[in-house]
Amino acid sequence: MGFKKTSDMIAISFSAASTVVDTYAEEEVSLQLDVLNNEIFVVLAIDLNPSTPQAIGGTNTNTAAALSSTSQPTIGKLSNSNVLAVAELNIRDGLVPFSRLAQESYVGDLDYIGLIATNNFFVGIDSANTGSTHTVRGRVFGYRAKADASTYAALVQSEVLSS
């Protein structure tokens, strides 16, 4: 891939909140990239913290959050190449809590976990059987980079066509 790092590491904080009980909500977060100069955002790590679902006796409840490079109609899955992170908190039968999270930061020799070529990313929150609204807060760690023309065109086309 042809891109060159143009900034030190940046941490971008965000939050999203549902306004209707147990209904998907999404917030757009601007990266303020210089698209005229083929600037991209190289994602190194993502931390997602959805609010805890309520414990309701005999009921399965959950909250789920996702971060993606394109708008999603529901909480995305990691099998979608535009979804960069997913976090889910569950309570089964009102008694047993557990969570499913992609590791909040990478380990080992990984250059990056994703590239965002469009000027924004999207954070979604949803819940099931909770009877209340929920929020997600988090942070994206990465840096700005300048891509060569062919790399930039391929990244933008990939994001737009797969949305």
N, C-alpha and C. Protein backbone atom coordinates (compact mmCIF):
# COMPACT_ATOMS: atom_id res chain seq x y z
N MET A 1 0.82 -1.17 0.00
CA MET A 1 0.00 0.00 0.00
C MET A 1 0.86 1.23 0.00
N GLY A 2 0.43 2.23 -0.72
CA GLY A 2 1.23 3.43 -0.81
C GLY A 2 0.69 4.58 0.00
N PHE A 3 1.13 4.68 1.24
CA PHE A 3 0.79 5.86 2.04
C PHE A 3 1.94 6.19 2.98
N LYS A 4 2.01 7.47 3.34
CA LYS A 4 3.10 7.96 4.19
C LYS A 4 2.51 8.67 5.40
N LYS A 5 2.98 8.31 6.57
CA LYS A 5 2.53 8.89 7.83
C LYS A 5 2.81 10.40 7.84
N THR A 6 1.80 11.20 8.22
CA THR A 6 1.97 12.66 8.24
C THR A 6 1.68 13.27 9.61
N SER A 7 1.35 12.46 10.62
CA SER A 7 1.10 12.99 11.95
C SER A 7 1.54 11.98 13.00
N ASP A 8 1.64 12.46 14.23
CA ASP A 8 1.85 11.55 15.35
C ASP A 8 0.52 10.87 15.66
N MET A 9 0.52 9.97 16.63
CA MET A 9 -0.72 9.29 17.00
C MET A 9 -1.74 10.30 17.53
N ILE A 10 -2.99 10.09 17.13
CA ILE A 10 -4.11 10.93 17.53
C ILE A 10 -5.14 10.03 18.21
N ALA A 11 -5.75 10.52 19.28
CA ALA A 11 -6.85 9.82 19.94
C ALA A 11 -8.11 10.66 19.74
N ILE A 12 -9.13 10.08 19.13
CA ILE A 12 -10.38 10.78 18.86
C ILE A 12 -11.46 10.16 19.73
N SER A 13 -12.01 10.94 20.65
CA SER A 13 -13.07 10.47 21.53
C SER A 13 -14.43 10.69 20.88
N PHE A 14 -15.40 9.85 21.22
CA PHE A 14 -16.73 9.95 20.64
C PHE A 14 -17.75 9.37 21.60
N SER A 15 -19.02 9.65 21.31
CA SER A 15 -20.13 9.01 22.01
C SER A 15 -21.33 8.98 21.09
N ALA A 16 -22.22 8.05 21.35
CA ALA A 16 -23.49 7.96 20.63
C ALA A 16 -24.54 7.52 21.63
N ALA A 17 -25.76 7.96 21.42
CA ALA A 17 -26.84 7.61 22.35
C ALA A 17 -28.10 7.28 21.57
N SER A 18 -28.81 6.28 22.05
CA SER A 18 -30.11 5.97 21.46
C SER A 18 -31.13 6.92 22.09
N THR A 19 -32.13 7.31 21.32
CA THR A 19 -33.17 8.20 21.84
C THR A 19 -34.51 7.48 21.96
N VAL A 20 -34.61 6.29 21.35
CA VAL A 20 -35.80 5.46 21.44
C VAL A 20 -35.39 4.12 22.06
N VAL A 21 -36.16 3.64 22.99
CA VAL A 21 -35.85 2.39 23.71
C VAL A 21 -35.63 1.23 22.74
N ASP A 22 -34.54 0.50 22.94
CA ASP A 22 -34.21 -0.71 22.19
C ASP A 22 -34.27 -0.51 20.67
N THR A 23 -33.78 0.64 20.21
CA THR A 23 -33.76 0.96 18.79
C THR A 23 -32.36 1.42 18.40
N TYR A 24 -31.88 0.98 17.24
CA TYR A 24 -30.56 1.34 16.74
C TYR A 24 -30.42 2.85 16.52
N ALA A 25 -29.30 3.39 16.95
CA ALA A 25 -28.98 4.80 16.72
C ALA A 25 -27.53 4.89 16.26
N GLU A 26 -27.24 5.87 15.42
CA GLU A 26 -25.89 6.01 14.87
C GLU A 26 -25.49 7.48 14.87
N GLU A 27 -24.22 7.72 15.17
CA GLU A 27 -23.64 9.07 15.13
C GLU A 27 -22.50 9.07 14.13
N GLU A 28 -22.39 10.16 13.40
CA GLU A 28 -21.29 10.35 12.45
C GLU A 28 -20.22 11.20 13.13
N VAL A 29 -18.97 10.78 13.04
CA VAL A 29 -17.86 11.50 13.63
C VAL A 29 -16.93 11.96 12.51
N SER A 30 -16.73 13.26 12.42
CA SER A 30 -15.89 13.81 11.35
C SER A 30 -14.42 13.67 11.68
N LEU A 31 -13.65 13.25 10.70
CA LEU A 31 -12.19 13.17 10.85
C LEU A 31 -11.50 14.41 10.32
N GLN A 32 -12.21 15.24 9.59
CA GLN A 32 -11.67 16.47 8.99
C GLN A 32 -10.39 16.17 8.20
N LEU A 33 -10.49 15.18 7.33
CA LEU A 33 -9.36 14.82 6.47
C LEU A 33 -9.27 15.79 5.29
N ASP A 34 -8.08 15.95 4.79
CA ASP A 34 -7.85 16.79 3.60
C ASP A 34 -7.99 15.89 2.37
N VAL A 35 -9.23 15.76 1.91
CA VAL A 35 -9.49 14.83 0.80
C VAL A 35 -8.87 15.29 -0.51
N LEU A 36 -8.64 16.59 -0.67
CA LEU A 36 -8.01 17.09 -1.89
C LEU A 36 -6.55 16.65 -2.01
N ASN A 37 -5.95 16.32 -0.86
CA ASN A 37 -4.56 15.86 -0.85
C ASN A 37 -4.44 14.38 -0.48
N ASN A 38 -5.52 13.62 -0.71
CA ASN A 38 -5.51 12.16 -0.51
C ASN A 38 -5.16 11.75 0.92
N GLU A 39 -5.64 12.51 1.90
CA GLU A 39 -5.34 12.17 3.29
C GLU A 39 -6.27 11.07 3.77
N ILE A 40 -5.70 10.10 4.46
CA ILE A 40 -6.46 9.00 5.04
C ILE A 40 -6.18 8.95 6.54
N PHE A 41 -7.00 8.16 7.26
CA PHE A 41 -6.77 7.94 8.68
C PHE A 41 -6.44 6.47 8.88
N VAL A 42 -5.30 6.20 9.49
CA VAL A 42 -4.83 4.84 9.73
C VAL A 42 -5.21 4.47 11.16
N VAL A 43 -6.11 3.51 11.32
CA VAL A 43 -6.63 3.12 12.63
C VAL A 43 -5.72 2.08 13.27
N LEU A 44 -5.23 2.40 14.47
CA LEU A 44 -4.34 1.49 15.19
C LEU A 44 -5.09 0.67 16.25
N ALA A 45 -6.06 1.28 16.92
CA ALA A 45 -6.80 0.60 17.98
C ALA A 45 -8.12 1.33 18.22
N ILE A 46 -9.10 0.60 18.75
CA ILE A 46 -10.41 1.17 19.04
C ILE A 46 -10.86 0.66 20.40
N ASP A 47 -11.40 1.56 21.21
CA ASP A 47 -11.95 1.21 22.52
C ASP A 47 -13.43 1.58 22.50
N LEU A 48 -14.32 0.59 22.61
CA LEU A 48 -15.77 0.81 22.64
C LEU A 48 -16.31 0.41 24.01
N ASN A 49 -17.10 1.29 24.63
CA ASN A 49 -17.67 1.01 25.94
C ASN A 49 -19.17 1.27 25.95
N PRO A 50 -19.98 0.26 25.58
CA PRO A 50 -21.43 0.44 25.63
C PRO A 50 -21.92 0.40 27.08
N SER A 51 -23.04 1.09 27.35
CA SER A 51 -23.60 1.06 28.69
C SER A 51 -24.12 -0.35 29.01
N THR A 52 -24.19 -0.67 30.28
CA THR A 52 -24.57 -1.99 30.73
C THR A 52 -26.08 -2.19 30.59
N PRO A 53 -26.51 -3.34 30.08
CA PRO A 53 -27.95 -3.61 30.00
C PRO A 53 -28.52 -3.86 31.40
N GLN A 54 -29.82 -3.69 31.54
CA GLN A 54 -30.48 -3.93 32.81
C GLN A 54 -30.62 -5.43 33.06
N ALA A 55 -30.57 -5.81 34.32
CA ALA A 55 -30.83 -7.19 34.71
C ALA A 55 -32.32 -7.30 35.03
N ILE A 56 -33.06 -8.01 34.18
CA ILE A 56 -34.49 -8.19 34.34
C ILE A 56 -34.73 -9.69 34.49
N GLY A 57 -35.24 -10.11 35.63
CA GLY A 57 -35.42 -11.53 35.93
C GLY A 57 -36.08 -12.30 34.80
N GLY A 58 -35.45 -13.42 34.40
CA GLY A 58 -35.99 -14.29 33.38
C GLY A 58 -35.92 -13.76 31.96
N THR A 59 -35.22 -12.64 31.75
CA THR A 59 -35.16 -12.01 30.43
C THR A 59 -33.72 -11.87 29.97
N ASN A 60 -33.47 -12.16 28.70
CA ASN A 60 -32.16 -11.92 28.11
C ASN A 60 -32.11 -10.47 27.64
N THR A 61 -31.15 -9.70 28.12
CA THR A 61 -30.99 -8.30 27.71
C THR A 61 -29.58 -8.10 27.15
N ASN A 62 -29.44 -7.11 26.28
CA ASN A 62 -28.09 -6.81 25.80
C ASN A 62 -27.99 -5.39 25.27
N THR A 63 -26.76 -4.91 25.23
CA THR A 63 -26.40 -3.68 24.51
C THR A 63 -25.25 -4.05 23.59
N ALA A 64 -25.25 -3.41 22.43
CA ALA A 64 -24.20 -3.68 21.44
C ALA A 64 -23.80 -2.37 20.78
N ALA A 65 -22.52 -2.25 20.46
CA ALA A 65 -22.00 -1.06 19.80
C ALA A 65 -21.03 -1.48 18.70
N ALA A 66 -20.92 -0.64 17.69
CA ALA A 66 -19.99 -0.93 16.60
C ALA A 66 -19.45 0.38 16.03
N LEU A 67 -18.25 0.31 15.48
CA LEU A 67 -17.63 1.44 14.79
C LEU A 67 -17.32 0.98 13.37
N SER A 68 -17.72 1.80 12.40
CA SER A 68 -17.50 1.43 11.00
C SER A 68 -17.09 2.65 10.18
N SER A 69 -16.51 2.38 9.04
CA SER A 69 -16.08 3.46 8.15
C SER A 69 -17.22 3.97 7.28
N THR A 70 -18.34 3.25 7.25
CA THR A 70 -19.53 3.67 6.49
C THR A 70 -20.76 3.54 7.37
N SER A 71 -21.82 4.24 7.03
CA SER A 71 -23.07 4.16 7.77
C SER A 71 -23.65 2.75 7.67
N GLN A 72 -24.20 2.26 8.78
CA GLN A 72 -24.77 0.91 8.82
C GLN A 72 -26.25 0.99 9.24
N PRO A 73 -27.09 0.11 8.73
CA PRO A 73 -28.51 0.13 9.12
C PRO A 73 -28.76 -0.52 10.48
N THR A 74 -27.84 -1.36 10.94
CA THR A 74 -27.93 -2.04 12.23
C THR A 74 -26.50 -2.19 12.77
N ILE A 75 -26.38 -2.77 13.96
CA ILE A 75 -25.04 -3.08 14.48
C ILE A 75 -24.38 -4.02 13.48
N GLY A 76 -23.23 -3.63 13.01
CA GLY A 76 -22.52 -4.45 12.02
C GLY A 76 -21.82 -5.63 12.66
N LYS A 77 -21.32 -6.47 11.82
CA LYS A 77 -20.53 -7.63 12.24
C LYS A 77 -19.11 -7.47 11.70
N LEU A 78 -18.15 -8.06 12.37
CA LEU A 78 -16.77 -7.96 11.93
C LEU A 78 -16.53 -8.61 10.57
N SER A 79 -17.46 -9.43 10.12
CA SER A 79 -17.34 -10.03 8.79
C SER A 79 -17.56 -9.00 7.68
N ASN A 80 -18.10 -7.84 8.02
CA ASN A 80 -18.25 -6.72 7.08
C ASN A 80 -16.94 -5.94 7.10
N SER A 81 -16.29 -5.79 5.97
CA SER A 81 -14.97 -5.14 5.95
C SER A 81 -14.99 -3.68 6.40
N ASN A 82 -16.14 -3.03 6.38
CA ASN A 82 -16.22 -1.64 6.84
C ASN A 82 -16.40 -1.53 8.35
N VAL A 83 -16.74 -2.62 9.02
CA VAL A 83 -16.90 -2.62 10.47
C VAL A 83 -15.55 -2.91 11.09
N LEU A 84 -15.07 -1.96 11.89
CA LEU A 84 -13.72 -2.07 12.46
C LEU A 84 -13.70 -2.60 13.89
N ALA A 85 -14.81 -2.44 14.63
CA ALA A 85 -14.87 -2.93 16.00
C ALA A 85 -16.32 -3.14 16.42
N VAL A 86 -16.54 -4.16 17.28
CA VAL A 86 -17.85 -4.46 17.82
C VAL A 86 -17.68 -4.81 19.29
N ALA A 87 -18.61 -4.35 20.12
CA ALA A 87 -18.63 -4.71 21.54
C ALA A 87 -20.06 -5.04 21.93
N GLU A 88 -20.24 -6.11 22.71
CA GLU A 88 -21.58 -6.53 23.10
C GLU A 88 -21.58 -6.96 24.56
N LEU A 89 -22.55 -6.46 25.33
CA LEU A 89 -22.72 -6.85 26.73
C LEU A 89 -24.07 -7.53 26.86
N ASN A 90 -24.10 -8.68 27.52
CA ASN A 90 -25.32 -9.47 27.64
C ASN A 90 -25.58 -9.86 29.08
N ILE A 91 -26.87 -9.99 29.42
CA ILE A 91 -27.27 -10.58 30.69
C ILE A 91 -28.32 -11.63 30.33
N ARG A 92 -28.06 -12.88 30.69
CA ARG A 92 -28.96 -13.99 30.36
C ARG A 92 -29.84 -14.33 31.56
N ASP A 93 -31.11 -14.47 31.32
CA ASP A 93 -32.12 -14.81 32.34
C ASP A 93 -32.11 -13.85 33.52
N GLY A 94 -31.62 -12.64 33.29
CA GLY A 94 -31.58 -11.64 34.35
C GLY A 94 -30.55 -11.92 35.41
N LEU A 95 -29.69 -12.93 35.21
CA LEU A 95 -28.76 -13.35 36.26
C LEU A 95 -27.30 -13.39 35.85
N VAL A 96 -27.00 -13.87 34.64
CA VAL A 96 -25.62 -14.18 34.26
C VAL A 96 -25.09 -13.16 33.25
N PRO A 97 -24.20 -12.24 33.68
CA PRO A 97 -23.65 -11.27 32.74
C PRO A 97 -22.44 -11.83 32.00
N PHE A 98 -22.31 -11.47 30.74
CA PHE A 98 -21.08 -11.77 30.00
C PHE A 98 -20.95 -10.78 28.86
N SER A 99 -19.75 -10.72 28.30
CA SER A 99 -19.50 -9.77 27.23
C SER A 99 -18.76 -10.45 26.10
N ARG A 100 -18.95 -9.90 24.89
CA ARG A 100 -18.20 -10.33 23.70
C ARG A 100 -17.57 -9.07 23.14
N LEU A 101 -16.25 -9.01 23.19
CA LEU A 101 -15.53 -7.83 22.73
C LEU A 101 -14.36 -8.25 21.88
N ALA A 102 -14.15 -7.54 20.79
CA ALA A 102 -12.89 -7.68 20.10
C ALA A 102 -11.86 -7.08 21.05
N GLN A 103 -10.66 -7.57 21.02
CA GLN A 103 -9.65 -7.04 21.94
C GLN A 103 -9.54 -5.54 21.76
N GLU A 104 -9.56 -4.78 22.87
CA GLU A 104 -9.61 -3.34 22.79
C GLU A 104 -8.35 -2.71 22.22
N SER A 105 -7.25 -3.38 22.32
CA SER A 105 -6.05 -2.89 21.65
C SER A 105 -5.30 -4.10 21.10
N TYR A 106 -4.59 -3.87 20.05
CA TYR A 106 -3.94 -4.99 19.38
C TYR A 106 -2.66 -5.40 20.12
N VAL A 107 -2.26 -6.62 19.89
CA VAL A 107 -1.06 -7.19 20.49
C VAL A 107 -0.22 -7.77 19.37
N GLY A 108 1.08 -7.64 19.47
CA GLY A 108 1.96 -8.24 18.47
C GLY A 108 2.40 -7.25 17.42
N ASP A 109 2.77 -7.78 16.28
CA ASP A 109 3.36 -6.99 15.22
C ASP A 109 2.31 -6.68 14.14
N LEU A 110 1.36 -5.83 14.49
CA LEU A 110 0.29 -5.45 13.58
C LEU A 110 0.46 -3.99 13.22
N ASP A 111 0.56 -3.68 11.91
CA ASP A 111 0.77 -2.30 11.49
C ASP A 111 -0.44 -1.42 11.77
N TYR A 112 -1.63 -1.90 11.40
CA TYR A 112 -2.86 -1.14 11.62
C TYR A 112 -4.03 -2.11 11.51
N ILE A 113 -5.20 -1.69 12.03
CA ILE A 113 -6.38 -2.55 11.94
C ILE A 113 -7.37 -2.07 10.89
N GLY A 114 -7.19 -0.87 10.38
CA GLY A 114 -8.09 -0.39 9.34
C GLY A 114 -7.64 0.93 8.77
N LEU A 115 -8.16 1.24 7.58
CA LEU A 115 -7.88 2.50 6.91
C LEU A 115 -9.21 3.17 6.61
N ILE A 116 -9.31 4.46 6.93
CA ILE A 116 -10.52 5.21 6.61
C ILE A 116 -10.14 6.28 5.61
N ALA A 117 -10.73 6.21 4.41
CA ALA A 117 -10.38 7.14 3.35
C ALA A 117 -11.42 8.24 3.18
N THR A 118 -12.65 7.98 3.62
CA THR A 118 -13.67 9.03 3.54
C THR A 118 -13.53 9.92 4.76
N ASN A 119 -14.26 10.99 4.82
CA ASN A 119 -14.01 12.05 5.80
C ASN A 119 -14.64 11.80 7.17
N ASN A 120 -15.13 10.59 7.43
CA ASN A 120 -15.82 10.36 8.69
C ASN A 120 -15.86 8.86 9.02
N PHE A 121 -16.29 8.58 10.26
CA PHE A 121 -16.62 7.21 10.63
C PHE A 121 -17.93 7.24 11.40
N PHE A 122 -18.50 6.08 11.65
CA PHE A 122 -19.83 5.99 12.25
C PHE A 122 -19.80 5.08 13.46
N VAL A 123 -20.52 5.50 14.52
CA VAL A 123 -20.61 4.74 15.76
C VAL A 123 -22.08 4.44 16.01
N GLY A 124 -22.40 3.16 16.20
CA GLY A 124 -23.78 2.76 16.42
C GLY A 124 -23.98 2.11 17.78
N ILE A 125 -25.19 2.26 18.33
CA ILE A 125 -25.56 1.64 19.60
C ILE A 125 -26.95 1.03 19.44
N ASP A 126 -27.14 -0.15 20.02
CA ASP A 126 -28.45 -0.80 20.00
C ASP A 126 -28.60 -1.60 21.29
N SER A 127 -29.83 -1.98 21.59
CA SER A 127 -30.09 -2.79 22.77
C SER A 127 -31.30 -3.67 22.51
N ALA A 128 -31.49 -4.66 23.37
CA ALA A 128 -32.63 -5.56 23.25
C ALA A 128 -33.20 -5.86 24.62
N ASN A 129 -34.51 -5.71 24.75
CA ASN A 129 -35.27 -6.07 25.96
C ASN A 129 -34.86 -5.30 27.21
N THR A 130 -34.30 -4.12 27.05
CA THR A 130 -33.82 -3.39 28.22
C THR A 130 -34.83 -2.41 28.79
N GLY A 131 -35.73 -1.92 27.95
CA GLY A 131 -36.73 -0.96 28.43
C GLY A 131 -36.17 0.42 28.66
N SER A 132 -34.95 0.70 28.18
CA SER A 132 -34.38 2.04 28.35
C SER A 132 -33.44 2.37 27.19
N THR A 133 -33.05 3.61 27.11
CA THR A 133 -32.09 4.03 26.09
C THR A 133 -30.67 3.76 26.60
N HIS A 134 -29.73 3.72 25.67
CA HIS A 134 -28.34 3.41 26.03
C HIS A 134 -27.35 4.29 25.29
N THR A 135 -26.12 4.28 25.77
CA THR A 135 -25.05 5.07 25.16
C THR A 135 -23.82 4.19 24.93
N VAL A 136 -22.96 4.68 24.06
CA VAL A 136 -21.64 4.10 23.88
C VAL A 136 -20.65 5.26 23.88
N ARG A 137 -19.55 5.05 24.56
CA ARG A 137 -18.46 6.02 24.56
C ARG A 137 -17.21 5.28 24.14
N GLY A 138 -16.30 6.00 23.53
CA GLY A 138 -15.09 5.31 23.11
C GLY A 138 -14.04 6.23 22.56
N ARG A 139 -13.02 5.60 22.02
CA ARG A 139 -11.88 6.34 21.48
C ARG A 139 -11.26 5.54 20.35
N VAL A 140 -10.85 6.26 19.31
CA VAL A 140 -10.13 5.66 18.18
C VAL A 140 -8.71 6.21 18.22
N PHE A 141 -7.74 5.32 18.10
CA PHE A 141 -6.34 5.71 18.07
C PHE A 141 -5.81 5.50 16.66
N GLY A 142 -5.11 6.47 16.14
CA GLY A 142 -4.55 6.33 14.80
C GLY A 142 -3.72 7.53 14.42
N TYR A 143 -3.40 7.62 13.14
CA TYR A 143 -2.64 8.77 12.65
C TYR A 143 -3.09 9.11 11.23
N ARG A 144 -2.80 10.32 10.84
CA ARG A 144 -3.10 10.78 9.48
C ARG A 144 -1.97 10.36 8.55
N ALA A 145 -2.33 10.07 7.31
CA ALA A 145 -1.33 9.69 6.32
C ALA A 145 -1.77 10.20 4.96
N LYS A 146 -0.81 10.38 4.07
CA LYS A 146 -1.11 10.78 2.69
C LYS A 146 -0.91 9.56 1.80
N ALA A 147 -1.99 9.23 1.06
CA ALA A 147 -1.94 8.07 0.17
C ALA A 147 -1.58 8.52 -1.24
N ASP A 148 -0.90 7.64 -1.99
CA ASP A 148 -0.68 7.95 -3.40
C ASP A 148 -2.03 7.87 -4.11
N ALA A 149 -2.12 8.42 -5.30
CA ALA A 149 -3.40 8.58 -6.01
C ALA A 149 -4.11 7.25 -6.23
N SER A 150 -3.40 6.23 -6.66
CA SER A 150 -4.07 4.96 -6.95
C SER A 150 -4.55 4.27 -5.67
N THR A 151 -3.77 4.35 -4.61
CA THR A 151 -4.18 3.77 -3.33
C THR A 151 -5.40 4.50 -2.80
N TYR A 152 -5.38 5.83 -2.85
CA TYR A 152 -6.50 6.62 -2.36
C TYR A 152 -7.78 6.29 -3.13
N ALA A 153 -7.68 6.24 -4.45
CA ALA A 153 -8.85 5.92 -5.28
C ALA A 153 -9.41 4.54 -4.94
N ALA A 154 -8.54 3.56 -4.77
CA ALA A 154 -8.98 2.21 -4.44
C ALA A 154 -9.65 2.16 -3.07
N LEU A 155 -9.10 2.86 -2.08
CA LEU A 155 -9.68 2.87 -0.74
C LEU A 155 -11.06 3.53 -0.73
N VAL A 156 -11.19 4.67 -1.39
CA VAL A 156 -12.48 5.37 -1.44
C VAL A 156 -13.51 4.51 -2.16
N GLN A 157 -13.12 3.94 -3.30
CA GLN A 157 -14.05 3.10 -4.05
C GLN A 157 -14.47 1.90 -3.22
N SER A 158 -13.56 1.28 -2.53
CA SER A 158 -13.88 0.13 -1.70
C SER A 158 -14.87 0.49 -0.60
N GLU A 159 -14.64 1.62 0.09
CA GLU A 159 -15.56 2.06 1.14
C GLU A 159 -16.95 2.36 0.58
N VAL A 160 -17.00 3.11 -0.50
CA VAL A 160 -18.28 3.54 -1.05
C VAL A 160 -19.06 2.37 -1.63
N LEU A 161 -18.41 1.50 -2.37
CA LEU A 161 -19.12 0.38 -3.00
C LEU A 161 -19.56 -0.68 -2.01
N SER A 162 -18.87 -0.79 -0.88
CA SER A 162 -19.25 -1.83 0.09
C SER A 162 -20.16 -1.30 1.19
N SER A 163 -20.59 -0.05 1.08
CA SER A 163 -21.46 0.50 2.12
C SER A 163 -22.91 0.11 1.92
